[in-house]
PDB file of N, CA and C in Angstrom:
ATOM      1  N   MET A   1     102.258   5.753  83.298  1.00  0.00           N
ATOM      2  CA  MET A   1     100.905   4.920  81.919  1.00  0.00           C
ATOM      3  C   MET A   1     101.814   3.794  81.437  1.00  0.00           C
ATOM      4  N   GLY A   2     102.843   3.253  81.686  1.00  0.00           N
ATOM      5  CA  GLY A   2     103.737   2.551  81.057  1.00  0.00           C
ATOM      6  C   GLY A   2     104.105   3.082  79.719  1.00  0.00           C
ATOM      7  N   ASP A   3     104.593   1.593  78.936  1.00  0.00           N
ATOM      8  CA  ASP A   3     104.428   2.344  77.342  1.00  0.00           C
ATOM      9  C   ASP A   3     103.841   3.507  76.249  1.00  0.00           C
ATOM     10  N   LYS A   4     102.414   3.744  76.441  1.00  0.00           N
ATOM     11  CA  LYS A   4     101.675   4.190  75.944  1.00  0.00           C
ATOM     12  C   LYS A   4     101.642   5.399  75.454  1.00  0.00           C
ATOM     13  N   PRO A   5     101.583   5.704  74.336  1.00  0.00           N
ATOM     14  CA  PRO A   5     102.215   7.111  74.072  1.00  0.00           C
ATOM     15  C   PRO A   5     101.008   8.382  74.134  1.00  0.00           C
ATOM     16  N   ILE A   6     101.363   9.093  74.676  1.00  0.00           N
ATOM     17  CA  ILE A   6     100.920  10.420  74.874  1.00  0.00           C
ATOM     18  C   ILE A   6     100.351  11.321  73.772  1.00  0.00           C
ATOM     19  N   SER A   7      98.483  11.207  73.551  1.00  0.00           N
ATOM     20  CA  SER A   7      98.258  11.953  72.431  1.00  0.00           C
ATOM     21  C   SER A   7      97.002  12.696  72.673  1.00  0.00           C
ATOM     22  N   PHE A   8      96.417  12.885  73.466  1.00  0.00           N
ATOM     23  CA  PHE A   8      95.168  13.819  73.732  1.00  0.00           C
ATOM     24  C   PHE A   8      95.505  14.547  74.455  1.00  0.00           C
ATOM     25  N   LYS A   9      94.255  15.518  75.009  1.00  0.00           N
ATOM     26  CA  LYS A   9      94.231  16.048  76.572  1.00  0.00           C
ATOM     27  C   LYS A   9      93.331  15.462  76.792  1.00  0.00           C
ATOM     28  N   ASP A  10      92.399  15.586  78.151  1.00  0.00           N
ATOM     29  CA  ASP A  10      90.925  14.776  78.141  1.00  0.00           C
ATOM     30  C   ASP A  10      90.617  16.751  79.040  1.00  0.00           C
ATOM     31  N   ALA A  11      89.397  16.400  78.920  1.00  0.00           N
ATOM     32  CA  ALA A  11      88.271  18.214  79.711  1.00  0.00           C
ATOM     33  C   ALA A  11      89.418  18.486  80.653  1.00  0.00           C
ATOM     34  N   ASP A  12      90.123  18.310  80.897  1.00  0.00           N
ATOM     35  CA  ASP A  12      90.711  18.596  82.508  1.00  0.00           C
ATOM     36  C   ASP A  12      92.257  18.735  82.431  1.00  0.00           C
ATOM     37  N   GLY A  13      92.732  19.193  81.174  1.00  0.00           N
ATOM     38  CA  GLY A  13      93.876  19.511  79.904  1.00  0.00           C
ATOM     39  C   GLY A  13      94.322  18.561  80.840  1.00  0.00           C
ATOM     40  N   ASN A  14      94.493  17.545  81.146  1.00  0.00           N
ATOM     41  CA  ASN A  14      95.818  16.465  80.736  1.00  0.00           C
ATOM     42  C   ASN A  14      96.089  15.269  80.747  1.00  0.00           C
ATOM     43  N   PHE A  15      97.597  15.125  79.752  1.00  0.00           N
ATOM     44  CA  PHE A  15      97.870  14.158  78.767  1.00  0.00           C
ATOM     45  C   PHE A  15      97.211  13.069  78.931  1.00  0.00           C
ATOM     46  N   VAL A  16      96.464  12.353  77.810  1.00  0.00           N
ATOM     47  CA  VAL A  16      96.066  10.516  78.207  1.00  0.00           C
ATOM     48  C   VAL A  16      96.470  10.052  76.614  1.00  0.00           C
ATOM     49  N   SER A  17      96.507   9.153  77.136  1.00  0.00           N
ATOM     50  CA  SER A  17      97.059   7.570  76.037  1.00  0.00           C
ATOM     51  C   SER A  17      96.052   7.463  75.079  1.00  0.00           C
ATOM     52  N   ALA A  18      96.164   7.002  73.455  1.00  0.00           N
ATOM     53  CA  ALA A  18      94.959   7.559  72.854  1.00  0.00           C
ATOM     54  C   ALA A  18      94.872   5.881  73.040  1.00  0.00           C
ATOM     55  N   ALA A  19      95.593   4.440  74.147  1.00  0.00           N
ATOM     56  CA  ALA A  19      94.979   3.818  74.515  1.00  0.00           C
ATOM     57  C   ALA A  19      93.659   3.926  75.851  1.00  0.00           C
ATOM     58  N   ASP A  20      93.717   4.901  75.993  1.00  0.00           N
ATOM     59  CA  ASP A  20      92.339   5.310  77.272  1.00  0.00           C
ATOM     60  C   ASP A  20      91.790   5.467  75.792  1.00  0.00           C
ATOM     61  N   VAL A  21      91.657   6.433  74.945  1.00  0.00           N
ATOM     62  CA  VAL A  21      91.063   7.734  74.670  1.00  0.00           C
ATOM     63  C   VAL A  21      89.784   6.383  73.409  1.00  0.00           C
ATOM     64  N   TRP A  22      90.411   5.605  72.827  1.00  0.00           N
ATOM     65  CA  TRP A  22      90.207   4.420  72.118  1.00  0.00           C
ATOM     66  C   TRP A  22      89.106   2.966  71.953  1.00  0.00           C
ATOM     67  N   ASN A  23      88.599   3.137  72.308  1.00  0.00           N
ATOM     68  CA  ASN A  23      87.772   1.903  73.348  1.00  0.00           C
ATOM     69  C   ASN A  23      87.737   0.387  71.007  1.00  0.00           C
ATOM     70  N   GLU A  24      86.884  -0.363  72.046  1.00  0.00           N
ATOM     71  CA  GLU A  24      86.788  -1.376  71.178  1.00  0.00           C
ATOM     72  C   GLU A  24      85.282  -1.198  70.494  1.00  0.00           C
ATOM     73  N   GLU A  25      84.685  -0.257  71.143  1.00  0.00           N
ATOM     74  CA  GLU A  25      82.972   0.205  70.452  1.00  0.00           C
ATOM     75  C   GLU A  25      83.232   1.013  69.786  1.00  0.00           C
ATOM     76  N   LYS A  26      84.715   2.632  70.347  1.00  0.00           N
ATOM     77  CA  LYS A  26      85.143   3.521  68.705  1.00  0.00           C
ATOM     78  C   LYS A  26      85.294   2.717  68.045  1.00  0.00           C
ATOM     79  N   LEU A  27      85.995   1.990  68.318  1.00  0.00           N
ATOM     80  CA  LEU A  27      87.101   1.842  67.316  1.00  0.00           C
ATOM     81  C   LEU A  27      86.325   1.332  66.093  1.00  0.00           C
ATOM     82  N   GLU A  28      85.148   0.209  66.497  1.00  0.00           N
ATOM     83  CA  GLU A  28      84.838  -0.732  65.707  1.00  0.00           C
ATOM     84  C   GLU A  28      83.340   0.298  65.022  1.00  0.00           C
ATOM     85  N   ALA A  29      83.408   0.820  65.769  1.00  0.00           N
ATOM     86  CA  ALA A  29      82.323   2.966  64.762  1.00  0.00           C
ATOM     87  C   ALA A  29      83.359   3.385  63.824  1.00  0.00           C
ATOM     88  N   LEU A  30      84.805   3.049  63.850  1.00  0.00           N
ATOM     89  CA  LEU A  30      85.586   3.984  63.250  1.00  0.00           C
ATOM     90  C   LEU A  30      86.223   3.413  61.942  1.00  0.00           C
ATOM     91  N   PHE A  31      85.996   2.378  62.102  1.00  0.00           N
ATOM     92  CA  PHE A  31      86.272   1.212  60.561  1.00  0.00           C
ATOM     93  C   PHE A  31      85.567   0.728  59.605  1.00  0.00           C
ATOM     94  N   ASN A  32      83.797   0.184  60.623  1.00  0.00           N
ATOM     95  CA  ASN A  32      82.899   0.395  59.715  1.00  0.00           C
ATOM     96  C   ASN A  32      82.239   1.534  59.018  1.00  0.00           C
ATOM     97  N   THR A  33      83.090   2.887  60.154  1.00  0.00           N
ATOM     98  CA  THR A  33      82.106   3.539  58.828  1.00  0.00           C
ATOM     99  C   THR A  33      83.476   3.889  57.510  1.00  0.00           C
ATOM    100  N   LEU A  34      84.714   3.994  58.012  1.00  0.00           N
ATOM    101  CA  LEU A  34      85.855   4.219  56.764  1.00  0.00           C
ATOM    102  C   LEU A  34      85.856   2.678  56.214  1.00  0.00           C
ATOM    103  N   ASN A  35      84.715   1.251  56.097  1.00  0.00           N
ATOM    104  CA  ASN A  35      85.047   0.907  54.956  1.00  0.00           C
ATOM    105  C   ASN A  35      83.711   0.377  55.652  1.00  0.00           C
ATOM    106  N   PRO A  36      82.862   1.053  54.714  1.00  0.00           N
ATOM    107  CA  PRO A  36      80.908  -0.467  55.467  1.00  0.00           C
ATOM    108  C   PRO A  36      81.297  -1.393  54.860  1.00  0.00           C
ATOM    109  N   ASN A  37      81.973  -1.740  53.556  1.00  0.00           N
ATOM    110  CA  ASN A  37      81.240  -3.225  52.994  1.00  0.00           C
ATOM    111  C   ASN A  37      82.391  -4.081  54.659  1.00  0.00           C
ATOM    112  N   ARG A  38      83.764  -3.745  55.378  1.00  0.00           N
ATOM    113  CA  ARG A  38      82.940  -4.185  56.549  1.00  0.00           C
ATOM    114  C   ARG A  38      82.205  -5.173  57.783  1.00  0.00           C
ATOM    115  N   LYS A  39      81.386  -3.962  57.509  1.00  0.00           N
ATOM    116  CA  LYS A  39      80.132  -4.190  58.495  1.00  0.00           C
ATOM    117  C   LYS A  39      79.420  -5.600  57.772  1.00  0.00           C
ATOM    118  N   LEU A  40      79.201  -5.731  56.608  1.00  0.00           N
ATOM    119  CA  LEU A  40      78.630  -6.454  55.078  1.00  0.00           C
ATOM    120  C   LEU A  40      79.274  -7.223  55.655  1.00  0.00           C
ATOM    121  N   ARG A  41      80.458  -8.350  56.333  1.00  0.00           N
ATOM    122  CA  ARG A  41      81.254  -9.124  55.409  1.00  0.00           C
ATOM    123  C   ARG A  41      81.177  -9.222  57.063  1.00  0.00           C
ATOM    124  N   LEU A  42      80.984  -8.645  57.593  1.00  0.00           N
ATOM    125  CA  LEU A  42      81.843  -9.251  59.651  1.00  0.00           C
ATOM    126  C   LEU A  42      80.219 -10.218  59.796  1.00  0.00           C
ATOM    127  N   GLU A  43      78.909  -9.166  59.355  1.00  0.00           N
ATOM    128  CA  GLU A  43      77.803  -9.727  59.476  1.00  0.00           C
ATOM    129  C   GLU A  43      77.167 -11.608  58.269  1.00  0.00           C
ATOM    130  N   ARG A  44      77.912 -11.223  57.632  1.00  0.00           N
ATOM    131  CA  ARG A  44      77.600 -12.589  56.784  1.00  0.00           C
ATOM    132  C   ARG A  44      78.659 -12.946  56.980  1.00  0.00           C
ATOM    133  N   GLN A  45      79.976 -13.413  57.630  1.00  0.00           N
ATOM    134  CA  GLN A  45      80.657 -14.560  58.799  1.00  0.00           C
ATOM    135  C   GLN A  45      80.296 -14.928  58.934  1.00  0.00           C
ATOM    136  N   GLU A  46      79.315 -13.846  60.675  1.00  0.00           N
ATOM    137  CA  GLU A  46      78.662 -14.514  61.729  1.00  0.00           C
ATOM    138  C   GLU A  46      78.032 -15.274  61.261  1.00  0.00           C
ATOM    139  N   LYS A  47      76.917 -15.010  60.003  1.00  0.00           N
ATOM    140  CA  LYS A  47      75.265 -15.821  59.745  1.00  0.00           C
ATOM    141  C   LYS A  47      76.329 -17.459  60.054  1.00  0.00           C
ATOM    142  N   ASN A  48      77.120 -17.498  58.914  1.00  0.00           N
ATOM    143  CA  ASN A  48      77.460 -19.023  58.196  1.00  0.00           C
ATOM    144  C   ASN A  48      78.121 -19.379  58.987  1.00  0.00           C
ATOM    145  N   GLU A  49      78.705 -19.173  60.058  1.00  0.00           N
ATOM    146  CA  GLU A  49      78.927 -19.882  61.196  1.00  0.00           C
ATOM    147  C   GLU A  49      78.474 -20.545  62.398  1.00  0.00           C
TER     148      GLU A  49
END
């Protein structure tokens, strides 16, 4: 696993790195939940480009 910190257990009870659990889609959903204005800002930026 390299130098990834171990922070979760999977369904089988094995330790899993947080980097393997949090993929891009899950992080995007979390950021949009914590900061709803972020989603609106990103949509505006995409529209202007």
